[in-house]
Amino acid sequence: MTSTVLPSKPVPQLDRAGHFIGWATAWASPLEPGVWHIPAGAIDVLPPDAPPGQWPRWNGAMWELIPVPSIQAAQPSAL
């Protein structure tokens, strides 16, 4: 018996708010030519290149670039 390696491709993985958080792998369907199995929370639309300080976010219809949030250190409280 021989095994067949299915084609795969990278797809953008999103968080619950639509922010691009990395890459997932979509696999070609072994039974349906031209159909890709896209993981939950991923989409088959490549994100734009983001300049420094911008973050790609999928709004449900298209990509938009939003400012990267700044993180401020918590100030210790006086006891």
C-alpha atoms as a PDB file:
ATOM      1  CA  MET A   1       0.000   0.000   0.000  1.00  0.00           C
ATOM      2  CA  THR A   2       1.350   3.413  -0.896  1.00  0.00           C
ATOM      3  CA  SER A   3       0.540   6.603   0.934  1.00  0.00           C
ATOM      4  CA  THR A   4      -0.219   9.830  -0.856  1.00  0.00           C
ATOM      5  CA  VAL A   5       0.970  13.137   0.528  1.00  0.00           C
ATOM      6  CA  LEU A   6      -1.767  15.706   0.077  1.00  0.00           C
ATOM      7  CA  PRO A   7      -0.910  19.211  -1.091  1.00  0.00           C
ATOM      8  CA  SER A   8      -1.011  21.872   1.580  1.00  0.00           C
ATOM      9  CA  LYS A   9      -0.791  25.646   1.747  1.00  0.00           C
ATOM     10  CA  PRO A  10      -0.354  28.251   4.480  1.00  0.00           C
ATOM     11  CA  VAL A  11      -3.441  30.245   5.481  1.00  0.00           C
ATOM     12  CA  PRO A  12      -3.733  33.150   7.947  1.00  0.00           C
ATOM     13  CA  GLN A  13      -4.857  32.179  11.460  1.00  0.00           C
ATOM     14  CA  LEU A  14      -6.975  34.781  13.281  1.00  0.00           C
ATOM     15  CA  ASP A  15      -7.896  35.389  16.880  1.00  0.00           C
ATOM     16  CA  ARG A  16     -11.538  35.900  17.879  1.00  0.00           C
ATOM     17  CA  ALA A  17     -11.343  39.618  17.035  1.00  0.00           C
ATOM     18  CA  GLY A  18      -9.977  38.961  13.527  1.00  0.00           C
ATOM     19  CA  HIS A  19      -6.346  39.892  14.268  1.00  0.00           C
ATOM     20  CA  PHE A  20      -3.720  37.990  12.290  1.00  0.00           C
ATOM     21  CA  ILE A  21      -1.792  35.832  14.772  1.00  0.00           C
ATOM     22  CA  GLY A  22       0.195  33.483  12.555  1.00  0.00           C
ATOM     23  CA  TRP A  23      -0.044  30.758   9.963  1.00  0.00           C
ATOM     24  CA  ALA A  24      -2.023  27.523   9.875  1.00  0.00           C
ATOM     25  CA  THR A  25      -1.944  24.733   7.295  1.00  0.00           C
ATOM     26  CA  ALA A  26      -4.836  24.040   4.919  1.00  0.00           C
ATOM     27  CA  TRP A  27      -4.897  20.623   3.258  1.00  0.00           C
ATOM     28  CA  ALA A  28      -6.329  19.677  -0.124  1.00  0.00           C
ATOM     29  CA  SER A  29      -9.390  17.461   0.073  1.00  0.00           C
ATOM     30  CA  PRO A  30      -8.594  13.904  -1.008  1.00  0.00           C
ATOM     31  CA  LEU A  31     -12.166  13.473  -2.275  1.00  0.00           C
ATOM     32  CA  GLU A  32     -13.051  16.873  -3.749  1.00  0.00           C
ATOM     33  CA  PRO A  33     -10.626  18.315  -6.311  1.00  0.00           C
ATOM     34  CA  GLY A  34     -10.059  22.041  -5.812  1.00  0.00           C
ATOM     35  CA  VAL A  35     -11.454  22.034  -2.253  1.00  0.00           C
ATOM     36  CA  TRP A  36      -9.245  22.976   0.698  1.00  0.00           C
ATOM     37  CA  HIS A  37      -9.838  22.052   4.327  1.00  0.00           C
ATOM     38  CA  ILE A  38      -9.312  25.365   6.150  1.00  0.00           C
ATOM     39  CA  PRO A  39      -8.767  25.108   9.937  1.00  0.00           C
ATOM     40  CA  ALA A  40     -11.225  26.770  12.289  1.00  0.00           C
ATOM     41  CA  GLY A  41     -10.369  30.415  12.840  1.00  0.00           C
ATOM     42  CA  ALA A  42      -8.386  30.643   9.596  1.00  0.00           C
ATOM     43  CA  ILE A  43      -9.256  32.200   6.237  1.00  0.00           C
ATOM     44  CA  ASP A  44      -8.049  31.732   2.667  1.00  0.00           C
ATOM     45  CA  VAL A  45      -7.195  35.395   1.985  1.00  0.00           C
ATOM     46  CA  LEU A  46      -3.563  36.456   2.424  1.00  0.00           C
ATOM     47  CA  PRO A  47      -2.971  39.409   4.771  1.00  0.00           C
ATOM     48  CA  PRO A  48      -1.360  42.618   3.500  1.00  0.00           C
ATOM     49  CA  ASP A  49       2.208  43.519   4.384  1.00  0.00           C
ATOM     50  CA  ALA A  50       1.975  45.636   7.499  1.00  0.00           C
ATOM     51  CA  PRO A  51       4.347  48.537   8.083  1.00  0.00           C
ATOM     52  CA  PRO A  52       5.910  48.886  11.550  1.00  0.00           C
ATOM     53  CA  GLY A  53       3.294  49.858  14.121  1.00  0.00           C
ATOM     54  CA  GLN A  54       0.383  48.379  12.122  1.00  0.00           C
ATOM     55  CA  TRP A  55      -1.375  45.027  12.552  1.00  0.00           C
ATOM     56  CA  PRO A  56      -3.559  43.242   9.955  1.00  0.00           C
ATOM     57  CA  ARG A  57      -7.144  42.631  11.074  1.00  0.00           C
ATOM     58  CA  TRP A  58      -9.824  40.790   9.081  1.00  0.00           C
ATOM     59  CA  ASN A  59     -13.153  42.619   9.478  1.00  0.00           C
ATOM     60  CA  GLY A  60     -15.231  39.823   7.957  1.00  0.00           C
ATOM     61  CA  ALA A  61     -15.036  41.132   4.401  1.00  0.00           C
ATOM     62  CA  MET A  62     -11.531  42.537   3.929  1.00  0.00           C
ATOM     63  CA  TRP A  63      -8.227  43.196   5.641  1.00  0.00           C
ATOM     64  CA  GLU A  64      -7.636  46.493   7.418  1.00  0.00           C
ATOM     65  CA  LEU A  65      -4.519  47.764   9.152  1.00  0.00           C
ATOM     66  CA  ILE A  66      -4.925  48.911  12.725  1.00  0.00           C
ATOM     67  CA  PRO A  67      -2.387  50.417  15.142  1.00  0.00           C
ATOM     68  CA  VAL A  68      -0.500  47.928  17.287  1.00  0.00           C
ATOM     69  CA  PRO A  69      -1.678  48.495  20.863  1.00  0.00           C
ATOM     70  CA  SER A  70       0.918  49.774  23.284  1.00  0.00           C
ATOM     71  CA  ILE A  71       1.516  47.852  26.474  1.00  0.00           C
ATOM     72  CA  GLN A  72       2.188  49.853  29.606  1.00  0.00           C
ATOM     73  CA  ALA A  73       3.711  48.349  32.700  1.00  0.00           C
ATOM     74  CA  ALA A  74       1.431  48.237  35.707  1.00  0.00           C
ATOM     75  CA  GLN A  75       2.340  50.693  38.448  1.00  0.00           C
ATOM     76  CA  PRO A  76       2.730  49.175  41.915  1.00  0.00           C
ATOM     77  CA  SER A  77       0.061  50.349  44.309  1.00  0.00           C
ATOM     78  CA  ALA A  78       0.847  51.764  47.716  1.00  0.00           C
ATOM     79  CA  LEU A  79      -0.197  49.560  50.576  1.00  0.00           C
END
